[in-house]
N, C-alpha and C. Protein backbone atom coordinates (compact mmCIF):
# COMPACT_ATOMS: atom_id res chain seq x y z
N ALA A 1 7.40 -7.81 7.33
CA ALA A 1 6.03 -7.23 7.57
C ALA A 1 5.44 -7.92 8.53
N ASP A 2 4.69 -7.31 9.55
CA ASP A 2 3.61 -7.89 10.52
C ASP A 2 2.36 -7.66 9.97
N ALA A 3 1.31 -8.31 10.76
CA ALA A 3 -0.06 -8.11 10.28
C ALA A 3 -1.07 -6.97 10.83
N ASN A 4 -0.04 -5.97 11.21
CA ASN A 4 -0.55 -4.66 11.80
C ASN A 4 -0.96 -3.52 10.60
N TRP A 5 -1.72 -2.68 10.81
CA TRP A 5 -1.86 -1.47 9.99
C TRP A 5 -0.68 -0.45 10.41
N HIS A 6 0.00 0.09 9.57
CA HIS A 6 0.96 1.17 9.61
C HIS A 6 1.00 2.42 9.01
N SER A 7 1.11 3.60 9.40
CA SER A 7 0.79 4.72 8.64
C SER A 7 2.27 5.21 8.03
N VAL A 8 2.09 5.87 7.01
CA VAL A 8 3.17 6.50 6.06
C VAL A 8 2.90 7.88 5.84
N ASP A 9 3.50 9.01 6.40
CA ASP A 9 3.23 10.22 6.16
C ASP A 9 3.84 10.60 4.62
N ILE A 10 3.03 10.85 4.10
CA ILE A 10 3.50 11.40 2.72
C ILE A 10 3.50 12.91 2.36
N SER A 11 3.38 13.46 3.53
CA SER A 11 3.20 15.00 3.18
C SER A 11 4.24 15.89 2.68
N ALA A 12 5.47 15.55 2.81
CA ALA A 12 6.41 16.21 2.26
C ALA A 12 6.55 15.83 0.71
N GLN A 13 5.88 14.75 0.38
CA GLN A 13 6.06 14.29 -1.06
C GLN A 13 5.03 14.90 -1.95
N ILE A 14 3.84 15.19 -1.34
CA ILE A 14 2.40 15.84 -2.09
C ILE A 14 2.15 16.98 -1.51
N PRO A 15 1.47 17.77 -2.25
CA PRO A 15 0.98 19.37 -1.83
C PRO A 15 -0.32 19.02 -0.88
N VAL A 16 -0.53 20.06 -0.29
CA VAL A 16 -2.04 20.35 0.37
C VAL A 16 -2.80 20.34 -0.61
N GLY A 17 -4.02 19.63 -0.26
CA GLY A 17 -5.23 19.46 -1.31
C GLY A 17 -5.22 18.26 -2.25
N THR A 18 -4.12 17.37 -1.99
CA THR A 18 -4.00 16.37 -3.12
C THR A 18 -5.16 15.33 -2.45
N LYS A 19 -6.00 14.98 -3.62
CA LYS A 19 -7.23 14.15 -3.42
C LYS A 19 -6.70 12.53 -3.43
N ALA A 20 -5.69 12.24 -4.27
CA ALA A 20 -5.50 10.78 -4.21
C ALA A 20 -4.14 10.70 -5.13
N VAL A 21 -3.47 9.45 -4.58
CA VAL A 21 -2.03 9.27 -5.31
C VAL A 21 -2.23 7.86 -6.14
N PHE A 22 -1.54 7.68 -7.01
CA PHE A 22 -1.23 6.54 -7.66
C PHE A 22 -0.04 5.78 -7.10
N ILE A 23 -0.13 4.51 -6.73
CA ILE A 23 0.94 3.57 -5.99
C ILE A 23 0.91 2.42 -6.88
N TYR A 24 2.23 2.06 -6.98
CA TYR A 24 2.68 0.55 -7.55
C TYR A 24 3.71 0.22 -6.71
N GLY A 25 3.90 -1.17 -6.94
CA GLY A 25 4.91 -1.79 -6.23
C GLY A 25 4.84 -3.33 -6.42
N TYR A 26 5.59 -4.19 -5.54
CA TYR A 26 5.46 -5.41 -5.46
C TYR A 26 5.43 -6.17 -3.99
N CYS A 27 5.05 -7.28 -3.82
CA CYS A 27 5.33 -8.04 -2.61
C CYS A 27 5.94 -9.27 -2.95
N GLN A 28 6.37 -10.06 -1.77
CA GLN A 28 6.96 -11.30 -1.88
C GLN A 28 6.80 -12.05 -0.64
N SER A 29 6.10 -13.41 -0.76
CA SER A 29 6.20 -14.19 0.41
C SER A 29 6.58 -15.44 0.18
N ALA A 30 7.03 -16.27 1.00
CA ALA A 30 7.38 -17.87 0.78
C ALA A 30 5.86 -18.59 0.70
N THR A 31 4.76 -18.04 0.95
CA THR A 31 3.76 -18.53 0.96
C THR A 31 2.60 -17.97 0.00
N VAL A 32 1.98 -18.67 -0.63
CA VAL A 32 0.80 -18.11 -1.95
C VAL A 32 -0.43 -17.70 -0.78
N ASN A 33 -0.80 -16.77 -1.45
CA ASN A 33 -2.18 -16.14 -0.93
C ASN A 33 -1.96 -15.21 0.26
N ARG A 34 -0.81 -14.45 0.10
CA ARG A 34 -0.63 -13.48 1.37
C ARG A 34 -0.84 -12.12 0.52
N ASN A 35 -1.19 -11.11 1.27
CA ASN A 35 -1.63 -9.78 0.57
C ASN A 35 -1.18 -8.72 1.43
N VAL A 36 -1.19 -7.54 0.80
CA VAL A 36 -0.65 -6.27 1.30
C VAL A 36 -1.72 -5.45 0.75
N ASP A 37 -2.42 -4.66 1.65
CA ASP A 37 -3.42 -3.73 1.54
C ASP A 37 -2.98 -2.25 1.75
N PHE A 38 -3.46 -1.16 0.93
CA PHE A 38 -3.52 0.08 1.19
C PHE A 38 -4.72 0.84 1.32
N SER A 39 -4.83 1.68 2.39
CA SER A 39 -6.12 2.36 2.82
C SER A 39 -5.72 3.68 2.85
N ASP A 40 -6.81 4.63 2.92
CA ASP A 40 -6.73 6.01 3.39
C ASP A 40 -6.55 6.00 4.86
N ALA A 41 -6.27 7.45 5.37
CA ALA A 41 -6.03 7.60 6.66
C ALA A 41 -7.40 7.06 7.47
N THR A 42 -8.57 6.80 7.06
CA THR A 42 -9.60 6.59 7.82
C THR A 42 -9.49 4.90 8.19
N GLY A 43 -8.87 4.27 7.20
CA GLY A 43 -8.66 2.81 7.42
C GLY A 43 -9.92 1.99 7.12
N GLY A 44 -11.01 2.42 6.70
CA GLY A 44 -12.34 1.65 6.81
C GLY A 44 -12.33 1.04 5.25
N THR A 45 -11.73 1.31 4.35
CA THR A 45 -11.65 0.70 2.94
C THR A 45 -10.44 0.44 2.44
N ILE A 46 -10.23 -0.80 1.84
CA ILE A 46 -9.05 -1.07 1.32
C ILE A 46 -8.99 -0.80 -0.21
N TYR A 47 -8.22 0.20 -0.80
CA TYR A 47 -8.11 0.67 -2.20
C TYR A 47 -7.45 -0.04 -2.88
N VAL A 48 -6.31 -0.42 -2.43
CA VAL A 48 -5.26 -1.23 -3.52
C VAL A 48 -4.96 -2.51 -2.59
N ARG A 49 -4.78 -3.63 -3.28
CA ARG A 49 -4.37 -4.82 -2.72
C ARG A 49 -3.39 -5.76 -3.62
N GLY A 50 -2.45 -6.02 -3.15
CA GLY A 50 -1.51 -6.95 -3.75
C GLY A 50 -1.30 -8.24 -3.13
N TRP A 51 -1.39 -9.17 -3.87
CA TRP A 51 -1.25 -10.54 -3.29
C TRP A 51 -0.21 -11.59 -3.75
N THR A 52 0.30 -12.16 -3.25
CA THR A 52 1.29 -13.39 -4.03
C THR A 52 0.36 -14.72 -4.31
N THR A 53 1.15 -14.64 -5.67
CA THR A 53 0.25 -15.51 -6.56
C THR A 53 1.21 -16.96 -6.64
N ALA A 54 2.64 -16.83 -6.37
CA ALA A 54 3.49 -17.98 -6.25
C ALA A 54 4.32 -17.92 -5.14
N ALA A 55 4.86 -19.04 -4.48
CA ALA A 55 5.73 -18.88 -3.47
C ALA A 55 7.09 -18.29 -3.85
N ASN A 56 7.47 -17.25 -3.21
CA ASN A 56 8.81 -16.68 -3.41
C ASN A 56 8.96 -16.01 -5.13
N GLY A 57 7.72 -15.69 -5.35
CA GLY A 57 7.87 -14.74 -6.61
C GLY A 57 7.28 -13.54 -6.28
N ASN A 58 7.61 -12.56 -7.25
CA ASN A 58 7.07 -11.09 -7.04
C ASN A 58 5.80 -10.88 -7.44
N SER A 59 4.96 -10.37 -6.69
CA SER A 59 3.73 -10.18 -7.25
C SER A 59 3.47 -8.58 -7.26
N PHE A 60 3.21 -7.95 -8.50
CA PHE A 60 3.02 -6.71 -8.65
C PHE A 60 1.70 -6.11 -8.37
N PHE A 61 1.53 -4.99 -8.11
CA PHE A 61 -0.01 -4.30 -7.79
C PHE A 61 0.18 -2.80 -8.19
N SER A 62 -1.09 -2.30 -8.40
CA SER A 62 -0.96 -0.79 -8.79
C SER A 62 -2.65 -0.26 -8.36
N GLY A 63 -2.60 0.92 -8.22
CA GLY A 63 -3.85 1.45 -7.96
C GLY A 63 -4.00 2.93 -7.28
N ILE A 64 -5.49 3.49 -7.26
CA ILE A 64 -5.31 4.65 -6.65
C ILE A 64 -5.90 4.67 -5.32
N VAL A 65 -5.02 5.40 -4.22
CA VAL A 65 -5.62 5.70 -3.01
C VAL A 65 -5.92 7.01 -2.71
N PRO A 66 -7.26 7.08 -2.28
CA PRO A 66 -7.65 8.74 -1.82
C PRO A 66 -6.65 8.93 -0.66
N ILE A 67 -6.61 10.29 -0.38
CA ILE A 67 -5.76 10.96 0.42
C ILE A 67 -6.67 11.92 1.38
N THR A 68 -6.80 11.77 2.64
CA THR A 68 -7.30 12.78 3.56
C THR A 68 -6.49 14.17 3.65
N SER A 69 -6.76 14.96 4.45
CA SER A 69 -6.12 16.18 4.85
C SER A 69 -4.85 15.84 5.55
N SER A 70 -5.09 14.56 6.17
CA SER A 70 -3.62 14.23 6.98
C SER A 70 -2.33 13.97 6.25
N ARG A 71 -2.74 13.54 4.93
CA ARG A 71 -1.75 13.10 3.84
C ARG A 71 -1.08 12.05 4.41
N LEU A 72 -1.61 11.05 4.91
CA LEU A 72 -1.33 9.55 5.44
C LEU A 72 -1.71 8.50 4.58
N ILE A 73 -1.14 7.50 4.14
CA ILE A 73 -1.38 6.29 3.61
C ILE A 73 -1.25 5.43 4.61
N TRP A 74 -2.10 4.33 4.75
CA TRP A 74 -1.86 3.06 5.52
C TRP A 74 -1.69 1.97 4.89
N TYR A 75 -1.03 0.97 5.52
CA TYR A 75 -0.77 -0.26 4.90
C TYR A 75 -0.59 -1.52 5.76
N ALA A 76 -0.87 -2.63 5.48
CA ALA A 76 -0.93 -3.70 6.35
C ALA A 76 -0.49 -5.02 5.58
N ALA A 77 -0.02 -5.92 5.98
CA ALA A 77 0.31 -7.41 5.38
C ALA A 77 -0.50 -8.20 6.06
N SER A 78 -0.98 -9.17 5.28
CA SER A 78 -1.98 -10.24 5.94
C SER A 78 -1.37 -11.11 6.88
N ASN A 79 0.16 -11.41 6.67
CA ASN A 79 0.84 -12.14 7.60
C ASN A 79 2.47 -11.86 7.68
N ALA A 80 2.96 -12.18 8.68
CA ALA A 80 4.43 -11.73 9.00
C ALA A 80 5.37 -12.34 8.01
N ASP A 81 4.89 -13.46 7.20
CA ASP A 81 5.83 -14.13 6.13
C ASP A 81 5.79 -13.28 4.77
N VAL A 82 5.35 -12.10 4.84
CA VAL A 82 5.33 -11.29 3.75
C VAL A 82 6.83 -10.59 3.82
N ALA A 83 7.78 -11.00 3.17
CA ALA A 83 9.24 -10.72 3.46
C ALA A 83 9.70 -9.55 2.77
N ILE A 84 9.16 -9.18 1.73
CA ILE A 84 9.48 -7.93 0.66
C ILE A 84 8.08 -7.09 0.43
N LEU A 85 8.34 -5.79 0.53
CA LEU A 85 7.23 -4.87 -0.04
C LEU A 85 7.81 -3.77 -0.42
N VAL A 86 7.68 -3.43 -1.61
CA VAL A 86 8.30 -2.11 -2.13
C VAL A 86 7.10 -1.55 -2.70
N ALA A 87 7.00 0.00 -2.51
CA ALA A 87 6.07 0.49 -3.06
C ALA A 87 6.53 2.05 -3.49
N ALA A 88 5.48 2.56 -4.63
CA ALA A 88 6.35 3.81 -4.98
C ALA A 88 5.18 4.57 -5.30
N ILE A 89 4.81 5.99 -4.95
CA ILE A 89 4.02 6.92 -5.50
C ILE A 89 4.46 7.60 -6.80
N THR A 90 3.74 7.45 -7.77
CA THR A 90 4.18 8.08 -9.11
C THR A 90 3.44 9.29 -9.50
N HIS A 91 2.21 9.36 -8.97
CA HIS A 91 1.33 10.60 -9.52
C HIS A 91 0.48 11.01 -8.02
N TYR A 92 0.07 12.29 -8.28
CA TYR A 92 -0.87 12.64 -7.25
C TYR A 92 -1.84 13.43 -7.97
N TYR A 93 -3.05 13.56 -7.54
CA TYR A 93 -4.22 14.30 -8.21
C TYR A 93 -4.88 15.13 -7.15
N ALA A 94 -4.74 16.45 -7.52
CA ALA A 94 -5.24 17.61 -6.69
C ALA A 94 -6.71 17.91 -7.06
């Protein structure tokens, strides 16, 4: 990962009118206190944050991210040494 914001188009996975999604996953870094953030398409607020608590260990996260009409989710890692990021959407709320 790098330290930039990236969008993921989830319009094929959720219907029009979806208000929010539940996201969970894990991240891993060789360094403690690195984070991965998730935001809606406005990018103004971080709704879900996963952070590493031990070097080279898996750090799990979950939470609800609001969805705008664009049906995009934005994510960013705090540093390029976040080597692994796995995230899944399990529920959506209309």
